[in-house]
Amino acid sequence: MHASLADVLTDLVQNSVEADSDRVTVVLDEGDDVIRISVEDNGPGMDEATLAKAEDPFWSDGVKHSGRRVGLGLPFLKQTAQQCGGRAELVSRPGLGTRVEGSFPADHWDRPPLGDVVLLWVQCLTLDGAKTMSIRRIRRWNDGRERSYEIERDEVSEALGGLDDAGALGLLRDYVRSLEDEITST
């Protein structure tokens, strides 16, 4: 089980990156009533038989991690959603990519905390193999207010001269923290 929804989302993004996708789109939509996450990629996708196996924690394709016999990302998403009355959906088609979505009641006592969103985005943006990644973060309130931001991995990497040294990572963390502070302040 994951300690936070950010951990679940990190796992899903890593799956998409490791599936040799050229583009990964990540959305975290936090409302007062429901928290929604989605990860969509343009990777190779899965046929019906593979799709059915992907939700089995005791199955792994053996390609991404040779020797590993378990794949827990999707089963953890499904379990986490079910334990708090949410939902999880996996849609994939060969040659067209995969979309994974989850929704979680914001006030359910069994929902894991959101977690460290700044660390989440820094981890996702610096995953090896992430060619193009787009992140959209939304915060909605029941009174109708809404704030959001978007991060494009290519733009941030270019502005920082890459994402592979401590200085760039510090600047990336500070940048994401400023975006997060802006949308979560009341």
N, C-alpha and C. Protein backbone atom coordinates (compact mmCIF):
# COMPACT_ATOMS: atom_id res chain seq x y z
N MET A 1 0.84 -1.17 0.00
CA MET A 1 0.00 0.00 0.00
C MET A 1 0.89 1.24 0.00
N HIS A 2 0.43 2.27 -0.68
CA HIS A 2 1.18 3.52 -0.72
C HIS A 2 0.77 4.43 0.43
N ALA A 3 1.72 5.25 0.88
CA ALA A 3 1.46 6.15 2.00
C ALA A 3 0.65 7.37 1.58
N SER A 4 0.68 7.73 0.29
CA SER A 4 -0.01 8.93 -0.16
C SER A 4 -0.47 8.77 -1.61
N LEU A 5 -1.39 9.64 -2.02
CA LEU A 5 -1.81 9.65 -3.42
C LEU A 5 -0.67 10.08 -4.33
N ALA A 6 0.22 10.92 -3.82
CA ALA A 6 1.40 11.31 -4.61
C ALA A 6 2.25 10.08 -4.94
N ASP A 7 2.36 9.14 -4.01
CA ASP A 7 3.10 7.91 -4.27
C ASP A 7 2.44 7.08 -5.36
N VAL A 8 1.11 6.99 -5.31
CA VAL A 8 0.36 6.27 -6.34
C VAL A 8 0.62 6.91 -7.70
N LEU A 9 0.54 8.23 -7.76
CA LEU A 9 0.72 8.94 -9.02
C LEU A 9 2.14 8.79 -9.55
N THR A 10 3.12 8.83 -8.68
CA THR A 10 4.51 8.62 -9.10
C THR A 10 4.68 7.27 -9.77
N ASP A 11 4.09 6.25 -9.16
CA ASP A 11 4.15 4.89 -9.71
C ASP A 11 3.54 4.83 -11.11
N LEU A 12 2.39 5.46 -11.28
CA LEU A 12 1.71 5.44 -12.58
C LEU A 12 2.52 6.17 -13.65
N VAL A 13 3.09 7.32 -13.28
CA VAL A 13 3.91 8.07 -14.23
C VAL A 13 5.14 7.26 -14.62
N GLN A 14 5.76 6.61 -13.65
CA GLN A 14 6.93 5.78 -13.95
C GLN A 14 6.56 4.66 -14.92
N ASN A 15 5.38 4.04 -14.73
CA ASN A 15 4.93 3.01 -15.67
C ASN A 15 4.86 3.56 -17.09
N SER A 16 4.29 4.75 -17.25
CA SER A 16 4.16 5.34 -18.59
C SER A 16 5.51 5.66 -19.20
N VAL A 17 6.41 6.21 -18.40
CA VAL A 17 7.75 6.54 -18.90
C VAL A 17 8.48 5.27 -19.33
N GLU A 18 8.38 4.23 -18.51
CA GLU A 18 9.08 2.98 -18.81
C GLU A 18 8.45 2.20 -19.95
N ALA A 19 7.26 2.60 -20.38
CA ALA A 19 6.60 1.94 -21.51
C ALA A 19 7.07 2.53 -22.85
N ASP A 20 8.16 3.29 -22.82
CA ASP A 20 8.71 3.90 -24.04
C ASP A 20 7.75 4.86 -24.71
N SER A 21 7.04 5.63 -23.92
CA SER A 21 6.14 6.65 -24.45
C SER A 21 6.93 7.86 -24.88
N ASP A 22 6.49 8.50 -25.95
CA ASP A 22 7.10 9.77 -26.36
C ASP A 22 6.49 10.93 -25.60
N ARG A 23 5.25 10.77 -25.14
CA ARG A 23 4.54 11.85 -24.46
C ARG A 23 3.75 11.28 -23.29
N VAL A 24 3.89 11.91 -22.13
CA VAL A 24 3.14 11.55 -20.93
C VAL A 24 2.44 12.80 -20.43
N THR A 25 1.14 12.69 -20.18
CA THR A 25 0.34 13.80 -19.66
C THR A 25 -0.21 13.40 -18.31
N VAL A 26 0.05 14.24 -17.30
CA VAL A 26 -0.34 13.94 -15.93
C VAL A 26 -1.26 15.05 -15.42
N VAL A 27 -2.35 14.66 -14.76
CA VAL A 27 -3.28 15.64 -14.20
C VAL A 27 -3.55 15.27 -12.74
N LEU A 28 -3.46 16.26 -11.87
CA LEU A 28 -3.88 16.15 -10.48
C LEU A 28 -4.90 17.25 -10.25
N ASP A 29 -6.14 16.85 -10.04
CA ASP A 29 -7.27 17.77 -9.89
C ASP A 29 -7.85 17.57 -8.49
N GLU A 30 -7.54 18.51 -7.61
CA GLU A 30 -7.94 18.41 -6.21
C GLU A 30 -9.10 19.34 -5.93
N GLY A 31 -10.23 18.75 -5.59
CA GLY A 31 -11.39 19.52 -5.21
C GLY A 31 -11.72 19.31 -3.75
N ASP A 32 -12.64 20.11 -3.23
CA ASP A 32 -13.07 19.94 -1.85
C ASP A 32 -13.78 18.60 -1.64
N ASP A 33 -14.42 18.08 -2.70
CA ASP A 33 -15.20 16.84 -2.60
C ASP A 33 -14.49 15.62 -3.15
N VAL A 34 -13.69 15.79 -4.18
CA VAL A 34 -13.07 14.65 -4.84
C VAL A 34 -11.68 15.04 -5.37
N ILE A 35 -10.78 14.07 -5.32
CA ILE A 35 -9.45 14.25 -5.89
C ILE A 35 -9.36 13.29 -7.06
N ARG A 36 -9.00 13.83 -8.23
CA ARG A 36 -8.88 13.01 -9.44
C ARG A 36 -7.44 13.04 -9.93
N ILE A 37 -6.98 11.88 -10.37
CA ILE A 37 -5.65 11.79 -10.98
C ILE A 37 -5.79 11.08 -12.31
N SER A 38 -4.93 11.45 -13.24
CA SER A 38 -4.89 10.73 -14.51
C SER A 38 -3.49 10.80 -15.10
N VAL A 39 -3.13 9.72 -15.76
CA VAL A 39 -1.86 9.64 -16.49
C VAL A 39 -2.19 9.04 -17.84
N GLU A 40 -1.79 9.73 -18.89
CA GLU A 40 -2.05 9.26 -20.25
C GLU A 40 -0.75 9.27 -21.02
N ASP A 41 -0.52 8.23 -21.79
CA ASP A 41 0.70 8.17 -22.59
C ASP A 41 0.38 7.69 -24.00
N ASN A 42 1.35 7.86 -24.88
CA ASN A 42 1.20 7.40 -26.27
C ASN A 42 2.12 6.21 -26.53
N GLY A 43 2.32 5.40 -25.49
CA GLY A 43 3.17 4.22 -25.61
C GLY A 43 2.52 3.13 -26.45
N PRO A 44 3.07 1.93 -26.38
CA PRO A 44 2.59 0.85 -27.24
C PRO A 44 1.18 0.36 -26.90
N GLY A 45 0.69 0.68 -25.71
CA GLY A 45 -0.64 0.21 -25.33
C GLY A 45 -0.65 -1.27 -25.02
N MET A 46 -1.83 -1.76 -24.64
CA MET A 46 -1.97 -3.17 -24.27
C MET A 46 -3.21 -3.75 -24.95
N ASP A 47 -3.10 -5.03 -25.33
CA ASP A 47 -4.28 -5.72 -25.86
C ASP A 47 -5.15 -6.16 -24.67
N GLU A 48 -6.31 -6.73 -24.96
CA GLU A 48 -7.26 -7.12 -23.92
C GLU A 48 -6.67 -8.12 -22.92
N ALA A 49 -5.92 -9.09 -23.42
CA ALA A 49 -5.33 -10.10 -22.53
C ALA A 49 -4.31 -9.48 -21.58
N THR A 50 -3.46 -8.62 -22.10
CA THR A 50 -2.45 -7.96 -21.27
C THR A 50 -3.12 -7.00 -20.30
N LEU A 51 -4.14 -6.31 -20.76
CA LEU A 51 -4.88 -5.38 -19.91
C LEU A 51 -5.46 -6.10 -18.69
N ALA A 52 -6.02 -7.27 -18.90
CA ALA A 52 -6.59 -8.05 -17.80
C ALA A 52 -5.50 -8.47 -16.81
N LYS A 53 -4.33 -8.86 -17.32
CA LYS A 53 -3.24 -9.29 -16.45
C LYS A 53 -2.62 -8.11 -15.69
N ALA A 54 -2.68 -6.91 -16.27
CA ALA A 54 -2.02 -5.75 -15.68
C ALA A 54 -2.57 -5.39 -14.31
N GLU A 55 -3.78 -5.80 -14.02
CA GLU A 55 -4.38 -5.50 -12.72
C GLU A 55 -4.10 -6.59 -11.69
N ASP A 56 -3.37 -7.62 -12.08
CA ASP A 56 -3.00 -8.72 -11.19
C ASP A 56 -1.65 -8.38 -10.55
N PRO A 57 -1.60 -8.27 -9.21
CA PRO A 57 -0.34 -7.90 -8.57
C PRO A 57 0.76 -8.95 -8.72
N PHE A 58 0.40 -10.17 -9.08
CA PHE A 58 1.39 -11.23 -9.20
C PHE A 58 1.80 -11.48 -10.65
N TRP A 59 1.60 -10.46 -11.49
CA TRP A 59 2.02 -10.55 -12.89
C TRP A 59 2.84 -9.33 -13.25
N SER A 60 3.85 -9.54 -14.02
CA SER A 60 4.66 -8.47 -14.59
C SER A 60 5.08 -8.93 -15.98
N ASP A 61 5.17 -8.00 -16.92
CA ASP A 61 5.52 -8.41 -18.28
C ASP A 61 6.97 -8.87 -18.40
N GLY A 62 7.78 -8.58 -17.39
CA GLY A 62 9.18 -9.02 -17.40
C GLY A 62 10.06 -8.22 -18.34
N VAL A 63 9.49 -7.27 -19.06
CA VAL A 63 10.26 -6.48 -20.02
C VAL A 63 10.94 -5.31 -19.31
N LYS A 64 10.17 -4.51 -18.59
CA LYS A 64 10.73 -3.34 -17.92
C LYS A 64 11.71 -3.73 -16.82
N HIS A 65 11.37 -4.77 -16.09
CA HIS A 65 12.20 -5.21 -14.97
C HIS A 65 12.36 -6.72 -15.06
N SER A 66 13.38 -7.15 -15.78
CA SER A 66 13.58 -8.59 -15.95
C SER A 66 13.79 -9.23 -14.59
N GLY A 67 13.16 -10.35 -14.40
CA GLY A 67 13.28 -11.05 -13.13
C GLY A 67 12.21 -10.70 -12.12
N ARG A 68 11.55 -9.57 -12.29
CA ARG A 68 10.50 -9.20 -11.35
C ARG A 68 9.23 -9.95 -11.72
N ARG A 69 8.58 -10.51 -10.72
CA ARG A 69 7.37 -11.30 -10.98
C ARG A 69 6.12 -10.62 -10.44
N VAL A 70 6.24 -9.40 -9.97
CA VAL A 70 5.07 -8.68 -9.48
C VAL A 70 5.02 -7.31 -10.13
N GLY A 71 3.83 -6.77 -10.24
CA GLY A 71 3.61 -5.41 -10.73
C GLY A 71 2.53 -4.80 -9.88
N LEU A 72 2.91 -3.90 -8.98
CA LEU A 72 1.97 -3.45 -7.96
C LEU A 72 1.33 -2.09 -8.23
N GLY A 73 1.79 -1.32 -9.20
CA GLY A 73 1.27 0.02 -9.42
C GLY A 73 -0.23 0.07 -9.65
N LEU A 74 -0.70 -0.64 -10.65
CA LEU A 74 -2.14 -0.62 -10.96
C LEU A 74 -2.97 -1.30 -9.88
N PRO A 75 -2.54 -2.45 -9.34
CA PRO A 75 -3.32 -3.04 -8.24
C PRO A 75 -3.42 -2.11 -7.02
N PHE A 76 -2.33 -1.40 -6.69
CA PHE A 76 -2.39 -0.45 -5.57
C PHE A 76 -3.37 0.68 -5.85
N LEU A 77 -3.38 1.19 -7.08
CA LEU A 77 -4.34 2.23 -7.44
C LEU A 77 -5.76 1.72 -7.23
N LYS A 78 -6.03 0.55 -7.75
CA LYS A 78 -7.38 -0.03 -7.65
C LYS A 78 -7.77 -0.25 -6.19
N GLN A 79 -6.87 -0.82 -5.40
CA GLN A 79 -7.15 -1.07 -3.99
C GLN A 79 -7.37 0.24 -3.23
N THR A 80 -6.53 1.22 -3.48
CA THR A 80 -6.65 2.50 -2.80
C THR A 80 -7.98 3.16 -3.12
N ALA A 81 -8.37 3.13 -4.38
CA ALA A 81 -9.65 3.73 -4.78
C ALA A 81 -10.82 2.98 -4.14
N GLN A 82 -10.79 1.67 -4.17
CA GLN A 82 -11.89 0.87 -3.63
C GLN A 82 -12.04 1.05 -2.12
N GLN A 83 -10.93 1.15 -1.40
CA GLN A 83 -11.01 1.23 0.06
C GLN A 83 -11.67 2.52 0.54
N CYS A 84 -11.72 3.53 -0.32
CA CYS A 84 -12.33 4.78 0.12
C CYS A 84 -13.54 5.17 -0.73
N GLY A 85 -14.09 4.22 -1.45
CA GLY A 85 -15.31 4.49 -2.21
C GLY A 85 -15.06 5.26 -3.50
N GLY A 86 -13.84 5.23 -3.99
CA GLY A 86 -13.50 5.90 -5.25
C GLY A 86 -13.58 4.93 -6.41
N ARG A 87 -12.89 5.28 -7.48
CA ARG A 87 -12.89 4.40 -8.65
C ARG A 87 -11.53 4.49 -9.33
N ALA A 88 -11.22 3.44 -10.08
CA ALA A 88 -10.00 3.40 -10.89
C ALA A 88 -10.38 2.84 -12.24
N GLU A 89 -9.78 3.41 -13.28
CA GLU A 89 -10.08 2.95 -14.64
C GLU A 89 -8.79 2.89 -15.44
N LEU A 90 -8.66 1.83 -16.20
CA LEU A 90 -7.50 1.63 -17.07
C LEU A 90 -8.03 1.38 -18.47
N VAL A 91 -7.61 2.23 -19.41
CA VAL A 91 -8.02 2.10 -20.81
C VAL A 91 -6.75 2.07 -21.64
N SER A 92 -6.64 1.06 -22.49
CA SER A 92 -5.45 0.95 -23.32
C SER A 92 -5.80 0.25 -24.62
N ARG A 93 -5.14 0.68 -25.69
CA ARG A 93 -5.31 0.03 -26.99
C ARG A 93 -3.95 -0.10 -27.65
N PRO A 94 -3.69 -1.26 -28.23
CA PRO A 94 -2.40 -1.47 -28.88
C PRO A 94 -2.12 -0.38 -29.93
N GLY A 95 -0.93 0.17 -29.85
CA GLY A 95 -0.51 1.19 -30.79
C GLY A 95 -1.02 2.59 -30.49
N LEU A 96 -1.89 2.74 -29.50
CA LEU A 96 -2.49 4.05 -29.21
C LEU A 96 -2.19 4.57 -27.81
N GLY A 97 -1.63 3.75 -26.95
CA GLY A 97 -1.27 4.22 -25.63
C GLY A 97 -2.23 3.77 -24.55
N THR A 98 -2.03 4.35 -23.37
CA THR A 98 -2.75 3.95 -22.18
C THR A 98 -3.17 5.18 -21.39
N ARG A 99 -4.35 5.10 -20.78
CA ARG A 99 -4.83 6.14 -19.87
C ARG A 99 -5.27 5.46 -18.57
N VAL A 100 -4.77 5.96 -17.46
CA VAL A 100 -5.12 5.46 -16.15
C VAL A 100 -5.73 6.62 -15.37
N GLU A 101 -6.89 6.39 -14.77
CA GLU A 101 -7.56 7.43 -14.00
C GLU A 101 -7.97 6.89 -12.65
N GLY A 102 -7.97 7.75 -11.67
CA GLY A 102 -8.47 7.40 -10.35
C GLY A 102 -9.19 8.59 -9.75
N SER A 103 -10.22 8.30 -8.97
CA SER A 103 -10.90 9.37 -8.23
C SER A 103 -11.11 8.89 -6.80
N PHE A 104 -10.99 9.82 -5.87
CA PHE A 104 -11.02 9.50 -4.46
C PHE A 104 -11.84 10.56 -3.72
N PRO A 105 -12.85 10.15 -2.93
CA PRO A 105 -13.59 11.12 -2.13
C PRO A 105 -12.62 11.86 -1.20
N ALA A 106 -12.64 13.17 -1.24
CA ALA A 106 -11.67 13.96 -0.50
C ALA A 106 -11.81 13.81 1.01
N ASP A 107 -13.01 13.54 1.49
CA ASP A 107 -13.23 13.52 2.94
C ASP A 107 -13.36 12.11 3.52
N HIS A 108 -13.06 11.08 2.74
CA HIS A 108 -13.19 9.71 3.25
C HIS A 108 -12.03 9.39 4.19
N TRP A 109 -12.33 8.80 5.33
CA TRP A 109 -11.31 8.52 6.34
C TRP A 109 -10.27 7.50 5.89
N ASP A 110 -10.58 6.69 4.87
CA ASP A 110 -9.61 5.71 4.38
C ASP A 110 -8.79 6.20 3.19
N ARG A 111 -9.05 7.43 2.75
CA ARG A 111 -8.24 7.97 1.64
C ARG A 111 -6.87 8.38 2.17
N PRO A 112 -5.82 7.91 1.51
CA PRO A 112 -4.48 8.37 1.93
C PRO A 112 -4.36 9.88 1.74
N PRO A 113 -3.47 10.51 2.48
CA PRO A 113 -3.27 11.95 2.28
C PRO A 113 -2.73 12.22 0.88
N LEU A 114 -2.87 13.46 0.44
CA LEU A 114 -2.38 13.83 -0.88
C LEU A 114 -0.87 13.64 -0.98
N GLY A 115 -0.15 14.01 0.03
CA GLY A 115 1.30 13.83 0.03
C GLY A 115 2.02 15.08 -0.45
N ASP A 116 3.30 14.95 -0.67
CA ASP A 116 4.17 16.06 -1.05
C ASP A 116 4.11 16.27 -2.56
N VAL A 117 3.30 17.22 -2.99
CA VAL A 117 3.09 17.47 -4.42
C VAL A 117 4.36 18.02 -5.08
N VAL A 118 5.10 18.83 -4.36
CA VAL A 118 6.35 19.37 -4.92
C VAL A 118 7.32 18.23 -5.23
N LEU A 119 7.53 17.34 -4.27
CA LEU A 119 8.41 16.20 -4.50
C LEU A 119 7.86 15.32 -5.62
N LEU A 120 6.56 15.12 -5.66
CA LEU A 120 5.93 14.35 -6.74
C LEU A 120 6.34 14.87 -8.10
N TRP A 121 6.18 16.18 -8.34
CA TRP A 121 6.48 16.74 -9.66
C TRP A 121 7.97 16.71 -9.95
N VAL A 122 8.81 16.96 -8.95
CA VAL A 122 10.26 16.90 -9.19
C VAL A 122 10.66 15.47 -9.57
N GLN A 123 10.12 14.48 -8.87
CA GLN A 123 10.44 13.09 -9.21
C GLN A 123 9.97 12.74 -10.62
N CYS A 124 8.75 13.13 -10.96
CA CYS A 124 8.21 12.81 -12.29
C CYS A 124 9.02 13.48 -13.39
N LEU A 125 9.32 14.74 -13.21
CA LEU A 125 10.03 15.50 -14.25
C LEU A 125 11.46 15.01 -14.47
N THR A 126 12.03 14.34 -13.49
CA THR A 126 13.42 13.90 -13.61
C THR A 126 13.56 12.40 -13.86
N LEU A 127 12.47 11.72 -14.14
CA LEU A 127 12.55 10.29 -14.46
C LEU A 127 13.37 10.09 -15.73
N ASP A 128 14.26 9.11 -15.71
CA ASP A 128 15.02 8.77 -16.92
C ASP A 128 14.07 8.30 -18.00
N GLY A 129 14.28 8.79 -19.20
CA GLY A 129 13.48 8.35 -20.33
C GLY A 129 12.26 9.19 -20.60
N ALA A 130 11.93 10.11 -19.71
CA ALA A 130 10.76 10.95 -19.93
C ALA A 130 11.08 11.93 -21.06
N LYS A 131 10.56 11.66 -22.23
CA LYS A 131 10.87 12.51 -23.37
C LYS A 131 10.10 13.82 -23.29
N THR A 132 8.81 13.75 -23.37
CA THR A 132 7.97 14.94 -23.25
C THR A 132 6.93 14.67 -22.18
N MET A 133 6.85 15.55 -21.20
CA MET A 133 5.90 15.38 -20.13
C MET A 133 5.18 16.69 -19.87
N SER A 134 3.88 16.59 -19.74
CA SER A 134 3.04 17.74 -19.44
C SER A 134 2.31 17.47 -18.13
N ILE A 135 2.41 18.40 -17.20
CA ILE A 135 1.76 18.27 -15.90
C ILE A 135 0.74 19.39 -15.75
N ARG A 136 -0.45 19.02 -15.31
CA ARG A 136 -1.50 20.01 -15.04
C ARG A 136 -1.98 19.77 -13.61
N ARG A 137 -1.94 20.82 -12.82
CA ARG A 137 -2.36 20.77 -11.41
C ARG A 137 -3.51 21.74 -11.24
N ILE A 138 -4.61 21.26 -10.69
CA ILE A 138 -5.81 22.08 -10.50
C ILE A 138 -6.23 21.99 -9.04
N ARG A 139 -6.65 23.11 -8.49
CA ARG A 139 -7.23 23.15 -7.14
C ARG A 139 -8.58 23.84 -7.25
N ARG A 140 -9.63 23.14 -6.83
CA ARG A 140 -11.00 23.67 -6.91
C ARG A 140 -11.60 23.73 -5.51
N TRP A 141 -12.38 24.77 -5.28
CA TRP A 141 -13.11 24.91 -4.03
C TRP A 141 -14.61 24.86 -4.32
N ASN A 142 -15.38 24.46 -3.33
CA ASN A 142 -16.83 24.37 -3.51
C ASN A 142 -17.49 25.72 -3.75
N ASP A 143 -16.83 26.81 -3.39
CA ASP A 143 -17.42 28.14 -3.62
C ASP A 143 -17.20 28.63 -5.06
N GLY A 144 -16.67 27.78 -5.92
CA GLY A 144 -16.49 28.13 -7.33
C GLY A 144 -15.10 28.62 -7.71
N ARG A 145 -14.26 28.88 -6.73
CA ARG A 145 -12.89 29.31 -7.05
C ARG A 145 -12.10 28.15 -7.64
N GLU A 146 -11.19 28.48 -8.53
CA GLU A 146 -10.33 27.47 -9.15
C GLU A 146 -9.00 28.12 -9.50
N ARG A 147 -7.93 27.41 -9.21
CA ARG A 147 -6.59 27.84 -9.59
C ARG A 147 -5.86 26.66 -10.20
N SER A 148 -4.94 26.94 -11.11
CA SER A 148 -4.22 25.84 -11.75
C SER A 148 -2.87 26.34 -12.28
N TYR A 149 -2.04 25.38 -12.60
CA TYR A 149 -0.79 25.67 -13.30
C TYR A 149 -0.45 24.47 -14.17
N GLU A 150 0.44 24.72 -15.14
CA GLU A 150 0.93 23.67 -16.02
C GLU A 150 2.44 23.74 -16.08
N ILE A 151 3.05 22.59 -16.19
CA ILE A 151 4.50 22.50 -16.32
C ILE A 151 4.80 21.60 -17.52
N GLU A 152 5.63 22.10 -18.41
CA GLU A 152 6.10 21.30 -19.55
C GLU A 152 7.56 20.95 -19.29
N ARG A 153 7.85 19.68 -19.26
CA ARG A 153 9.21 19.22 -18.95
C ARG A 153 10.24 19.83 -19.88
N ASP A 154 9.96 19.88 -21.18
CA ASP A 154 10.91 20.42 -22.14
C ASP A 154 11.27 21.88 -21.83
N GLU A 155 10.25 22.67 -21.50
CA GLU A 155 10.48 24.10 -21.22
C GLU A 155 11.30 24.30 -19.95
N VAL A 156 10.98 23.54 -18.90
CA VAL A 156 11.70 23.67 -17.64
C VAL A 156 13.14 23.20 -17.82
N SER A 157 13.33 22.10 -18.52
CA SER A 157 14.68 21.57 -18.75
C SER A 157 15.52 22.57 -19.53
N GLU A 158 14.93 23.17 -20.55
CA GLU A 158 15.67 24.16 -21.34
C GLU A 158 16.03 25.38 -20.50
N ALA A 159 15.09 25.86 -19.71
CA ALA A 159 15.33 27.05 -18.89
C ALA A 159 16.41 26.81 -17.83
N LEU A 160 16.50 25.58 -17.32
CA LEU A 160 17.46 25.26 -16.27
C LEU A 160 18.76 24.66 -16.81
N GLY A 161 18.84 24.48 -18.12
CA GLY A 161 20.04 23.88 -18.70
C GLY A 161 20.15 22.40 -18.41
N GLY A 162 19.01 21.75 -18.27
CA GLY A 162 18.96 20.32 -17.96
C GLY A 162 18.40 20.09 -16.57
N LEU A 163 18.14 18.83 -16.28
CA LEU A 163 17.57 18.47 -14.98
C LEU A 163 18.41 17.39 -14.31
N ASP A 164 19.74 17.51 -14.48
CA ASP A 164 20.58 16.43 -14.00
C ASP A 164 21.68 16.85 -13.03
N ASP A 165 21.58 18.04 -12.45
CA ASP A 165 22.56 18.40 -11.43
C ASP A 165 21.84 19.04 -10.24
N ALA A 166 22.53 19.08 -9.12
CA ALA A 166 21.93 19.54 -7.87
C ALA A 166 21.41 20.97 -7.96
N GLY A 167 22.13 21.84 -8.65
CA GLY A 167 21.69 23.23 -8.78
C GLY A 167 20.37 23.34 -9.53
N ALA A 168 20.27 22.62 -10.64
CA ALA A 168 19.04 22.63 -11.42
C ALA A 168 17.88 22.03 -10.63
N LEU A 169 18.15 20.95 -9.90
CA LEU A 169 17.09 20.32 -9.11
C LEU A 169 16.60 21.23 -7.99
N GLY A 170 17.52 21.97 -7.39
CA GLY A 170 17.12 22.94 -6.36
C GLY A 170 16.24 24.03 -6.94
N LEU A 171 16.63 24.54 -8.10
CA LEU A 171 15.81 25.57 -8.76
C LEU A 171 14.45 25.02 -9.18
N LEU A 172 14.44 23.79 -9.68
CA LEU A 172 13.19 23.15 -10.07
C LEU A 172 12.27 23.03 -8.86
N ARG A 173 12.81 22.54 -7.75
CA ARG A 173 12.02 22.40 -6.52
C ARG A 173 11.45 23.75 -6.08
N ASP A 174 12.28 24.80 -6.10
CA ASP A 174 11.81 26.12 -5.69
C ASP A 174 10.72 26.65 -6.62
N TYR A 175 10.88 26.40 -7.91
CA TYR A 175 9.88 26.83 -8.90
C TYR A 175 8.55 26.13 -8.67
N VAL A 176 8.61 24.82 -8.51
CA VAL A 176 7.37 24.06 -8.29
C VAL A 176 6.74 24.47 -6.96
N ARG A 177 7.54 24.69 -5.92
CA ARG A 177 7.02 25.14 -4.62
C ARG A 177 6.27 26.46 -4.78
N SER A 178 6.82 27.39 -5.58
CA SER A 178 6.16 28.68 -5.77
C SER A 178 4.81 28.51 -6.48
N LEU A 179 4.76 27.62 -7.46
CA LEU A 179 3.49 27.35 -8.16
C LEU A 179 2.48 26.73 -7.21
N GLU A 180 2.93 25.76 -6.44
CA GLU A 180 2.05 25.07 -5.50
C GLU A 180 1.54 26.02 -4.42
N ASP A 181 2.42 26.86 -3.88
CA ASP A 181 2.00 27.83 -2.87
C ASP A 181 0.95 28.79 -3.41
N GLU A 182 1.13 29.18 -4.66
CA GLU A 182 0.20 30.13 -5.28
C GLU A 182 -1.21 29.56 -5.41
N ILE A 183 -1.33 28.30 -5.77
CA ILE A 183 -2.68 27.77 -5.97
C ILE A 183 -3.33 27.19 -4.72
N THR A 184 -2.53 26.90 -3.69
CA THR A 184 -3.14 26.31 -2.50
C THR A 184 -3.41 27.34 -1.41
N SER A 185 -2.91 28.56 -1.58
CA SER A 185 -3.21 29.59 -0.57
C SER A 185 -4.67 30.03 -0.70
N THR A 186 -5.27 30.30 0.41
CA THR A 186 -6.68 30.71 0.38
C THR A 186 -6.75 32.16 0.42
